[in-house]
Structures are given as structure tokens and as C-alpha cells.
Protein backbone atom coordinates (compact mmCIF):
# COMPACT_ATOMS: atom_id res chain seq x y z
CA SER A 1 -9.00 6.08 -1.84
CA GLU A 2 -7.02 5.16 1.21
CA GLN A 3 -8.71 1.92 2.28
CA MET A 4 -8.51 0.21 -1.10
CA LEU A 5 -5.63 2.16 -2.69
CA THR A 6 -7.83 3.01 -5.63
CA PRO A 7 -6.61 5.97 -7.71
CA CYS A 8 -9.56 8.28 -8.37
CA ARG A 9 -10.28 11.28 -10.55
CA LEU A 10 -12.06 14.01 -8.61
CA ARG A 11 -13.92 17.18 -9.54
CA VAL A 12 -13.01 19.85 -7.04
CA VAL A 13 -15.27 22.59 -5.75
CA ALA A 14 -14.95 25.85 -7.67
CA GLY A 15 -12.37 28.18 -6.11
CA CYS A 16 -10.69 25.42 -4.11
CA GLU A 17 -6.94 25.81 -3.64
CA PRO A 18 -4.71 22.99 -4.97
CA CYS A 19 -4.10 20.31 -2.33
CA PRO A 20 -0.63 18.98 -1.62
CA PRO A 21 -0.30 15.21 -2.26
CA SER A 22 0.03 14.40 1.43
CA LYS A 23 -3.22 16.13 2.43
CA ARG A 24 -6.08 13.83 3.31
CA ILE A 25 -9.43 14.88 1.90
CA ASN A 26 -12.88 13.46 2.49
CA ILE A 27 -14.54 11.84 -0.54
CA GLY A 28 -17.40 10.33 1.46
CA LYS A 29 -20.91 9.65 0.22
CA ARG A 30 -22.53 12.67 1.86
CA ALA A 31 -21.91 15.92 -0.02
CA ASP A 32 -22.17 17.85 3.26
CA ASP A 33 -19.03 16.11 4.58
CA ARG A 34 -16.90 17.01 1.56
CA GLU A 35 -15.16 20.37 1.53
CA GLU A 36 -12.77 20.20 -1.44
CA VAL A 37 -14.46 17.58 -3.63
CA GLN A 38 -17.62 18.09 -5.62
CA HIS A 39 -17.83 14.45 -6.77
CA ILE A 40 -15.79 11.47 -7.96
CA VAL A 41 -15.46 11.49 -11.74
CA GLY A 42 -14.18 7.93 -11.96
CA LEU A 43 -11.19 5.70 -11.53
CA ALA A 44 -7.76 6.92 -12.59
CA ARG A 45 -5.31 4.82 -14.54
CA VAL A 46 -1.80 5.00 -13.17
CA ASP A 47 -0.30 4.92 -16.66
CA ARG A 48 -2.32 8.01 -17.63
CA MET A 49 -1.53 10.15 -14.58
CA SER A 50 0.40 13.35 -14.91
CA SER A 51 4.14 13.16 -14.37
CA TYR A 52 3.75 15.04 -11.07
CA ALA A 53 1.11 12.58 -9.82
CA THR A 54 3.26 9.64 -10.93
CA MET A 55 6.23 11.06 -9.03
CA GLN A 56 4.15 11.59 -5.87
CA LEU A 57 2.39 8.20 -5.88
CA PRO A 58 5.23 6.23 -4.17
CA HIS A 59 5.43 8.83 -1.39
CA VAL A 60 1.66 8.80 -0.86
CA LEU A 61 1.60 4.98 -0.75
CA LEU A 62 4.44 4.95 1.77
CA ASP A 63 2.59 7.48 3.95
CA ILE A 64 -0.63 5.45 3.87
CA LEU A 65 1.11 2.19 4.68
CA SER A 66 3.18 3.81 7.43
CA GLN A 67 0.00 5.01 9.12
CA HIS A 68 -1.27 1.42 9.22
CA GLU A 69 1.96 -0.41 10.15
CA ALA A 70 0.33 -2.49 12.89
CA TYR A 71 -2.36 -3.76 10.51
CA PHE A 72 0.17 -4.91 7.89
CA LEU A 73 2.38 -6.45 10.57
CA GLU A 74 -0.50 -8.59 11.86
CA SER A 75 -2.18 -9.25 8.50
CA PHE A 76 0.89 -10.06 6.44
CA PHE A 77 4.30 -10.18 8.09
CA ASN A 78 3.22 -12.26 11.10
CA VAL A 79 1.01 -14.72 9.19
CA ALA A 80 2.48 -15.06 5.68
CA THR A 81 2.96 -18.65 4.55
CA ASN A 82 4.00 -20.57 1.46
CA ILE A 83 2.15 -19.75 -1.74
CA SER A 84 3.37 -22.93 -3.41
CA LEU A 85 5.88 -25.66 -2.69
CA LYS A 86 8.66 -23.47 -4.05
CA MET A 87 7.57 -19.93 -3.12
CA HIS A 88 6.83 -18.08 0.12
CA ALA A 89 4.58 -15.01 0.27
CA PHE A 90 7.56 -12.91 1.39
CA GLU A 91 9.10 -13.51 -2.04
CA LEU A 92 6.40 -11.30 -3.57
CA LEU A 93 8.18 -8.33 -2.03
CA PRO A 94 10.82 -6.66 -4.22
CA LYS A 95 14.41 -7.69 -3.48
CA VAL A 96 13.31 -10.64 -1.33
CA GLY A 97 14.41 -13.98 -2.69
CA ASN A 98 14.08 -17.47 -1.30
CA LYS A 99 17.04 -17.16 1.05
CA LYS A 100 15.86 -13.84 2.53
CA ALA A 101 12.28 -15.16 2.84
CA MET A 102 13.48 -18.18 4.82
CA GLN A 103 15.60 -15.89 7.00
CA MET A 104 12.49 -13.77 7.67
CA VAL A 105 10.42 -16.86 8.57
CA GLU A 106 13.13 -18.06 10.93
CA ALA A 107 13.45 -14.63 12.57
CA ARG A 108 9.67 -14.32 12.90
CA GLY A 109 9.28 -17.30 15.26
CA ARG A 110 5.98 -16.58 17.03
CA GLY A 111 5.63 -13.18 15.44
CA PHE A 112 7.33 -9.83 15.22
CA GLU A 113 6.52 -7.38 18.00
CA SER A 114 6.76 -4.32 15.75
CA ILE A 115 7.80 -3.19 12.31
CA GLU A 116 11.00 -1.82 13.84
CA ALA A 117 11.82 -5.26 15.25
CA LEU A 118 11.13 -6.84 11.85
CA ASN A 119 13.34 -4.30 10.08
CA GLU A 120 16.14 -4.76 12.58
CA GLN A 121 16.06 -8.58 12.71
CA CYS A 122 15.77 -9.06 8.94
CA ASN A 123 17.79 -6.04 7.78
CA ILE A 124 14.98 -4.74 5.53
CA HIS A 125 12.55 -1.82 5.35
CA ALA A 126 9.29 -3.77 5.45
CA ILE A 127 6.77 -1.00 4.80
CA GLU A 128 8.89 0.40 1.97
CA LEU A 129 9.07 -3.04 0.31
CA LEU A 130 5.32 -3.51 0.71
CA SER A 131 4.63 -0.08 -0.79
CA GLN A 132 6.90 -0.91 -3.75
CA ARG A 133 4.93 -4.13 -4.31
CA PHE A 134 1.62 -2.24 -4.13
CA LEU A 135 2.96 0.29 -6.64
CA GLU A 136 3.93 -2.54 -9.03
CA GLU A 137 0.43 -3.96 -8.70
CA LEU A 138 -1.19 -0.58 -9.37
CA ARG A 139 0.94 -0.17 -12.51
CA ASP A 140 0.38 -3.74 -13.76
CA GLN A 141 -3.20 -4.91 -13.22
CA ASP A 142 -2.29 -8.41 -14.48
CA LEU A 143 0.39 -9.04 -11.84
CA GLN A 144 -0.51 -12.15 -9.84
CA PRO A 145 -0.87 -12.94 -6.97
CA ARG A 146 -2.08 -9.52 -5.82
CA LEU A 147 -1.25 -8.48 -2.28
CA ILE A 148 -3.57 -5.49 -2.67
CA SER A 149 -6.52 -7.87 -3.10
CA LEU A 150 -5.42 -10.00 -0.16
CA LEU A 151 -4.59 -7.25 2.35
CA LEU A 152 -7.07 -4.49 1.59
CA PRO A 153 -9.29 -2.89 2.74
CA VAL A 154 -7.36 -1.76 5.77
CA LYS A 155 -9.33 -2.76 8.83
CA SER A 156 -7.40 -0.83 11.46
């Protein structure tokens, strides 16, 4: 599901054509609103997905996060603080160490105006790093602290 990034197993309507990974489908509560989905079978485990689904998951996550850039900018990048005395929340992102995190905090000042400004000032790809972290959290349910729990559901 898009708001909570919960992998689901779905039973499709008989005769429905296969959907490409990037297609958004309605899995709402009312059966009348659903065209392709008969019902939700249950949650899907990332480690038990098909190889095709596993290959497509990073692209789907990146698409979802890219559609909600403004939300993640305001909810994470512009307000992230220290988690402990020795670690900043930015350090949860892959390839961001203490030095890069402090550089990001210094560049942030009163806040980044846009994701593009953040990427340019800090020489990173913010949404890509956040999607990589979310993917790690989906694969390892014991990974702590969990940004998925802190930032979702998307409220934009």
C-alpha cells in the first residue's frame, strides 16, 4: 500500500490483464471502487517475493517517494535532529556518515526550499537515499530506528 509502504498479496479479478509495477491500483474498502483487485489476501514478505517483484521494488519505492517529495522534505530533511549524543538522524541514510550529516545540518540553516536545493547544496540524491533506507527496513524488520514508522503514513 502506498501510504504505509506495506507489501500486500492481492487476488485479482478473473480475466484481469497483468499490471505493470508502476501502475497504481485501488485496493480500497469498497468492492465497487476496485477494478483489478478482488480482495487483499494478506501481507507479503519481501524475502518471499518473486525475483521480478524483488527487482521492481526499489523502482516502485523511488516512484512513491518522488511523488511525495514535499512531504519528506518537511517531515524529515527540514526537521531531523540528533538521535543520540553521537548520532544524527541523517546518519540513518545509506552512505551518510557523521561528517556528511553535519554538512547537511549546516547547509540546511532554516530549511531547504526544495529537494533540488537539498541535492545541490549537499551533493546527494535525497529521495534515492531515503528509498534505499526504506528498502533496508522492509527487508530487515528488526532494523532500528525505523524511519518508515516515524515518517509514514504520508499525509500529503
